[in-house]
């Protein structure tokens, strides 16, 4: 690996770590597309390396959010528990897919663009006036619904997480906000916490199947750690509405870029 490539991975990691921590998505939805588009990495290796990066990002960010008392541990554990078997299924799906298949790119791009458009529209139609007050409490709205659905939601997120290598936070955050009525900052922190639980399983299987480029993880991981701590600090200064819009715009841009990649 050249010095230029190492520096590029480091910078990508910083950007992905800070942005991913702010929006609660773990940074993989930036890092994996970058590996596919700019570093010409084949899908299985990009997904495996990206998932390790997501885990590093989550572990780095969760400590800061814990100190800020923003994590709903009950919800995070339920989602994480369901996502563990799902993450194993996702790795197996990726293993049996042809490395030349265009399906990976199309599924990835469609998921990103669809969610981005949904968030962009929803953000303009949602009332965020009461959000600041709500940020100071652990919101247990729809607790019965949470108990019933968090486990199956976790299974689905686990499959997507390991198959795409980007974690499931990009989908979990809007689910927590718009279905379970979590305040945005609590949703993002809870998402990062759940990522720590279930990406660990996915990472073990990615390593088992030799889907990890360790030099990429080294340089990208250093950037991710620095970016995660930066993201935790920035999150205190950014409103929930801005966070949602940041997430939606980036998802759309990366998805569109993958269609043409």
Protein backbone atom coordinates (compact mmCIF):
# COMPACT_ATOMS: atom_id res chain seq x y z
CA UNK A 1 0.00 0.00 0.00
CA UNK A 2 1.38 3.40 -1.00
CA UNK A 3 1.71 6.40 1.31
CA UNK A 4 -0.87 8.25 -0.79
CA UNK A 5 -3.40 5.45 -0.36
CA UNK A 6 -2.73 5.28 3.40
CA UNK A 7 -3.29 9.03 3.80
CA UNK A 8 -6.44 8.85 1.67
CA UNK A 9 -7.81 6.06 3.88
CA UNK A 10 -6.93 8.05 7.00
CA UNK A 11 -8.77 11.14 5.73
CA UNK A 12 -11.74 9.04 4.62
CA UNK A 13 -11.84 7.49 8.08
CA UNK A 14 -11.89 10.89 9.80
CA UNK A 15 -14.75 12.10 7.60
CA UNK A 16 -16.69 8.85 7.96
CA UNK A 17 -16.11 8.65 11.71
CA UNK A 18 -17.22 12.18 12.50
CA UNK A 19 -20.22 12.16 10.17
CA UNK A 20 -21.24 8.61 11.05
CA UNK A 21 -21.11 9.29 14.79
CA UNK A 22 -23.20 12.46 14.49
CA UNK A 23 -25.97 10.71 12.53
CA UNK A 24 -25.69 7.40 14.43
CA UNK A 25 -24.90 5.31 11.36
CA UNK A 26 -21.39 4.15 12.23
CA UNK A 27 -19.51 5.62 9.28
CA UNK A 28 -19.69 2.50 7.13
CA UNK A 29 -22.15 4.06 4.69
CA UNK A 30 -19.37 6.48 3.73
CA UNK A 31 -16.38 4.19 4.06
CA UNK A 32 -17.68 1.18 2.09
CA UNK A 33 -18.81 3.20 -0.97
CA UNK A 34 -15.41 4.92 -0.89
CA UNK A 35 -13.67 1.52 -0.93
CA UNK A 36 -15.81 0.40 -3.86
CA UNK A 37 -15.60 3.58 -5.91
CA UNK A 38 -12.21 5.11 -5.20
CA UNK A 39 -10.06 2.22 -3.97
CA UNK A 40 -11.40 -0.40 -6.41
CA UNK A 41 -11.96 -3.01 -3.72
CA UNK A 42 -14.13 -6.02 -4.57
CA UNK A 43 -17.54 -6.12 -2.78
CA UNK A 44 -16.96 -8.95 -0.30
CA UNK A 45 -13.65 -7.46 0.89
CA UNK A 46 -15.14 -3.94 1.06
CA UNK A 47 -18.09 -5.19 3.12
CA UNK A 48 -15.87 -7.14 5.51
CA UNK A 49 -13.35 -4.33 6.00
CA UNK A 50 -16.17 -1.79 6.27
CA UNK A 51 -17.88 -3.76 9.02
CA UNK A 52 -14.68 -3.77 11.09
CA UNK A 53 -14.54 -0.01 10.60
CA UNK A 54 -18.16 0.30 11.76
CA UNK A 55 -17.33 -1.61 14.93
CA UNK A 56 -14.31 0.60 15.63
CA UNK A 57 -16.46 3.70 15.04
CA UNK A 58 -19.21 2.43 17.34
CA UNK A 59 -16.80 1.52 20.15
CA UNK A 60 -15.16 4.94 19.88
CA UNK A 61 -18.43 6.86 19.86
CA UNK A 62 -20.38 4.94 22.48
CA UNK A 63 -18.15 6.01 25.37
CA UNK A 64 -18.79 9.67 24.63
CA UNK A 65 -22.55 9.18 24.31
CA UNK A 66 -22.64 7.18 27.54
CA UNK A 67 -21.08 10.12 29.38
CA UNK A 68 -23.75 12.39 27.90
CA UNK A 69 -26.47 9.99 29.17
CA UNK A 70 -28.14 9.75 25.75
CA UNK A 71 -28.31 5.97 25.30
CA UNK A 72 -31.56 4.01 25.73
CA UNK A 73 -29.89 0.77 26.82
CA UNK A 74 -33.09 -1.26 26.89
CA UNK A 75 -33.88 -0.58 23.23
CA UNK A 76 -30.25 -0.95 22.17
CA UNK A 77 -29.90 -4.37 23.81
CA UNK A 78 -33.14 -5.63 22.26
CA UNK A 79 -32.13 -4.54 18.76
CA UNK A 80 -28.61 -5.84 19.23
CA UNK A 81 -29.83 -9.25 20.44
CA UNK A 82 -32.04 -9.69 17.37
CA UNK A 83 -29.33 -8.47 15.02
CA UNK A 84 -26.73 -11.04 16.10
CA UNK A 85 -28.28 -14.00 14.20
CA UNK A 86 -29.15 -11.64 11.36
CA UNK A 87 -25.53 -10.59 10.99
CA UNK A 88 -24.52 -14.24 10.56
CA UNK A 89 -27.09 -14.66 7.78
CA UNK A 90 -25.77 -11.53 6.07
CA UNK A 91 -22.20 -12.84 6.01
CA UNK A 92 -23.35 -16.15 4.55
CA UNK A 93 -25.32 -14.38 1.80
CA UNK A 94 -22.24 -12.36 0.90
CA UNK A 95 -20.03 -15.46 0.85
CA UNK A 96 -22.15 -17.21 -1.76
CA UNK A 97 -22.55 -14.18 -4.01
CA UNK A 98 -20.35 -13.82 -7.10
CA UNK A 99 -17.75 -11.09 -6.68
CA UNK A 100 -18.61 -9.89 -10.18
CA UNK A 101 -22.34 -9.65 -9.50
CA UNK A 102 -23.93 -6.25 -10.01
CA UNK A 103 -26.62 -7.14 -7.47
CA UNK A 104 -24.49 -5.92 -4.57
CA UNK A 105 -24.14 -2.44 -6.06
CA UNK A 106 -27.79 -2.16 -7.07
CA UNK A 107 -29.15 -3.32 -3.72
CA UNK A 108 -26.77 -1.02 -1.89
CA UNK A 109 -27.56 2.01 -4.07
CA UNK A 110 -31.32 1.48 -4.01
CA UNK A 111 -31.36 1.14 -0.22
CA UNK A 112 -29.34 4.33 0.23
CA UNK A 113 -31.34 6.47 -2.23
CA UNK A 114 -34.75 5.25 -1.03
CA UNK A 115 -34.02 5.94 2.60
CA UNK A 116 -32.39 9.28 1.78
CA UNK A 117 -35.43 10.52 -0.13
CA UNK A 118 -37.76 9.35 2.65
CA UNK A 119 -35.76 11.19 5.32
CA UNK A 120 -35.45 14.33 3.19
CA UNK A 121 -39.22 14.56 2.69
CA UNK A 122 -40.09 13.50 6.22
CA UNK A 123 -37.76 16.06 7.75
CA UNK A 124 -39.62 18.93 6.12
CA UNK A 125 -43.02 17.65 7.24
CA UNK A 126 -42.10 16.85 10.85
CA UNK A 127 -42.57 19.18 13.77
CA UNK A 128 -39.28 19.48 15.68
CA UNK A 129 -40.29 22.34 17.98
CA UNK A 130 -40.52 20.15 21.06
CA UNK A 131 -37.31 18.25 20.37
CA UNK A 132 -34.99 20.30 22.58
CA UNK A 133 -37.04 19.56 25.70
CA UNK A 134 -37.38 15.92 24.77
CA UNK A 135 -33.63 15.47 24.40
CA UNK A 136 -33.20 15.58 28.17
CA UNK A 137 -35.14 12.41 28.91
CA UNK A 138 -35.01 8.78 27.85
CA UNK A 139 -38.16 8.55 25.77
CA UNK A 140 -40.16 5.34 26.34
CA UNK A 141 -43.07 6.20 24.03
CA UNK A 142 -44.66 3.14 22.42
CA UNK A 143 -42.88 0.84 24.88
CA UNK A 144 -45.27 -2.05 24.15
CA UNK A 145 -44.57 -1.73 20.44
CA UNK A 146 -40.86 -1.61 21.20
CA UNK A 147 -40.89 -4.90 23.10
CA UNK A 148 -42.79 -6.59 20.31
CA UNK A 149 -40.83 -5.38 17.30
CA UNK A 150 -37.26 -4.56 18.32
CA UNK A 151 -36.06 -8.17 18.03
CA UNK A 152 -37.34 -8.80 14.45
CA UNK A 153 -36.17 -5.33 13.43
CA UNK A 154 -32.77 -6.28 14.81
CA UNK A 155 -32.67 -9.48 12.72
CA UNK A 156 -33.36 -7.49 9.54
CA UNK A 157 -30.77 -4.85 10.42
CA UNK A 158 -28.20 -7.53 11.19
CA UNK A 159 -28.64 -9.06 7.73
CA UNK A 160 -28.23 -5.69 6.01
CA UNK A 161 -25.33 -4.77 8.25
CA UNK A 162 -23.17 -7.77 7.39
CA UNK A 163 -24.25 -8.05 3.76
CA UNK A 164 -23.52 -4.41 2.94
CA UNK A 165 -20.77 -3.89 5.52
CA UNK A 166 -22.16 -0.52 6.60
CA UNK A 167 -23.85 -1.33 9.89
CA UNK A 168 -27.59 -0.86 10.37
CA UNK A 169 -27.61 2.57 11.98
CA UNK A 170 -28.52 4.33 8.74
CA UNK A 171 -31.88 2.51 8.93
CA UNK A 172 -32.26 2.12 12.70
CA UNK A 173 -32.04 5.86 13.41
CA UNK A 174 -35.06 6.82 11.26
CA UNK A 175 -36.99 3.81 12.63
CA UNK A 176 -36.40 4.98 16.20
CA UNK A 177 -37.27 8.58 15.34
CA UNK A 178 -40.32 8.19 13.12
CA UNK A 179 -41.87 4.92 14.36
CA UNK A 180 -40.91 4.78 18.03
CA UNK A 181 -40.82 8.57 18.59
CA UNK A 182 -37.32 8.74 20.03
CA UNK A 183 -35.71 12.19 20.19
CA UNK A 184 -33.08 12.43 17.44
CA UNK A 185 -30.03 12.65 19.70
CA UNK A 186 -31.16 9.68 21.80
CA UNK A 187 -31.89 7.68 18.64
CA UNK A 188 -28.41 8.27 17.24
CA UNK A 189 -26.69 7.40 20.53
CA UNK A 190 -28.81 4.25 20.98
CA UNK A 191 -28.00 3.23 17.40
CA UNK A 192 -24.26 3.52 18.04
CA UNK A 193 -24.65 1.41 21.21
CA UNK A 194 -26.56 -1.36 19.39
CA UNK A 195 -23.92 -1.35 16.63
CA UNK A 196 -21.32 -2.32 19.24
CA UNK A 197 -23.33 -5.41 20.12
CA UNK A 198 -24.21 -6.94 16.79
CA UNK A 199 -21.39 -5.86 14.51
CA UNK A 200 -19.01 -7.79 16.77
CA UNK A 201 -20.61 -11.04 15.59
CA UNK A 202 -20.52 -10.00 11.95
CA UNK A 203 -16.87 -9.01 12.23
CA UNK A 204 -15.91 -12.42 13.64
CA UNK A 205 -17.49 -14.17 10.66
CA UNK A 206 -15.98 -11.73 8.16
CA UNK A 207 -12.57 -12.53 9.64
CA UNK A 208 -13.36 -16.26 9.50
CA UNK A 209 -14.11 -16.00 5.77
CA UNK A 210 -11.04 -13.82 5.18
CA UNK A 211 -13.06 -10.81 4.00
CA UNK A 212 -10.94 -8.21 5.81
CA UNK A 213 -8.09 -6.11 4.39
CA UNK A 214 -6.14 -5.33 7.55
CA UNK A 215 -4.04 -2.51 6.11
CA UNK A 216 -7.25 -0.76 5.08
CA UNK A 217 -8.65 -1.31 8.57
CA UNK A 218 -5.45 0.02 10.16
CA UNK A 219 -5.36 3.35 8.35
CA UNK A 220 -9.11 3.76 8.07
CA UNK A 221 -9.52 2.77 11.72
CA UNK A 222 -7.09 5.42 12.94
CA UNK A 223 -9.10 8.03 11.07
CA UNK A 224 -12.39 6.59 12.33
CA UNK A 225 -11.30 6.82 15.98
CA UNK A 226 -10.30 10.47 15.60
CA UNK A 227 -13.47 11.23 13.66
CA UNK A 228 -15.71 9.52 16.23
CA UNK A 229 -14.50 11.68 19.09
CA UNK A 230 -14.90 14.75 16.89
CA UNK A 231 -18.44 13.62 16.01
CA UNK A 232 -19.48 13.18 19.65
CA UNK A 233 -18.34 16.73 20.37
CA UNK A 234 -20.06 18.17 17.30
CA UNK A 235 -23.34 16.35 18.03
CA UNK A 236 -23.93 18.54 21.08
CA UNK A 237 -23.90 21.64 18.87
CA UNK A 238 -26.09 20.39 16.01
CA UNK A 239 -29.90 20.26 16.12
CA UNK A 240 -31.81 17.07 15.45
CA UNK A 241 -33.35 18.46 12.27
CA UNK A 242 -29.94 19.30 10.85
CA UNK A 243 -28.69 15.82 11.73
CA UNK A 244 -31.61 14.23 9.87
CA UNK A 245 -30.99 16.40 6.84
CA UNK A 246 -27.26 15.63 6.87
CA UNK A 247 -28.08 11.93 6.84
CA UNK A 248 -30.67 12.18 4.05
CA UNK A 249 -28.49 14.22 1.68
CA UNK A 250 -25.45 12.02 2.10
CA UNK A 251 -27.46 8.83 1.57
CA UNK A 252 -28.88 10.16 -1.70
CA UNK A 253 -25.50 11.35 -3.01
CA UNK A 254 -23.69 8.13 -2.22
CA UNK A 255 -26.49 6.00 -3.64
CA UNK A 256 -26.62 7.93 -6.90
CA UNK A 257 -22.85 7.74 -7.21
CA UNK A 258 -22.96 3.96 -6.80
CA UNK A 259 -25.54 3.62 -9.60
CA UNK A 260 -23.03 5.16 -11.98
CA UNK A 261 -20.03 3.41 -10.40
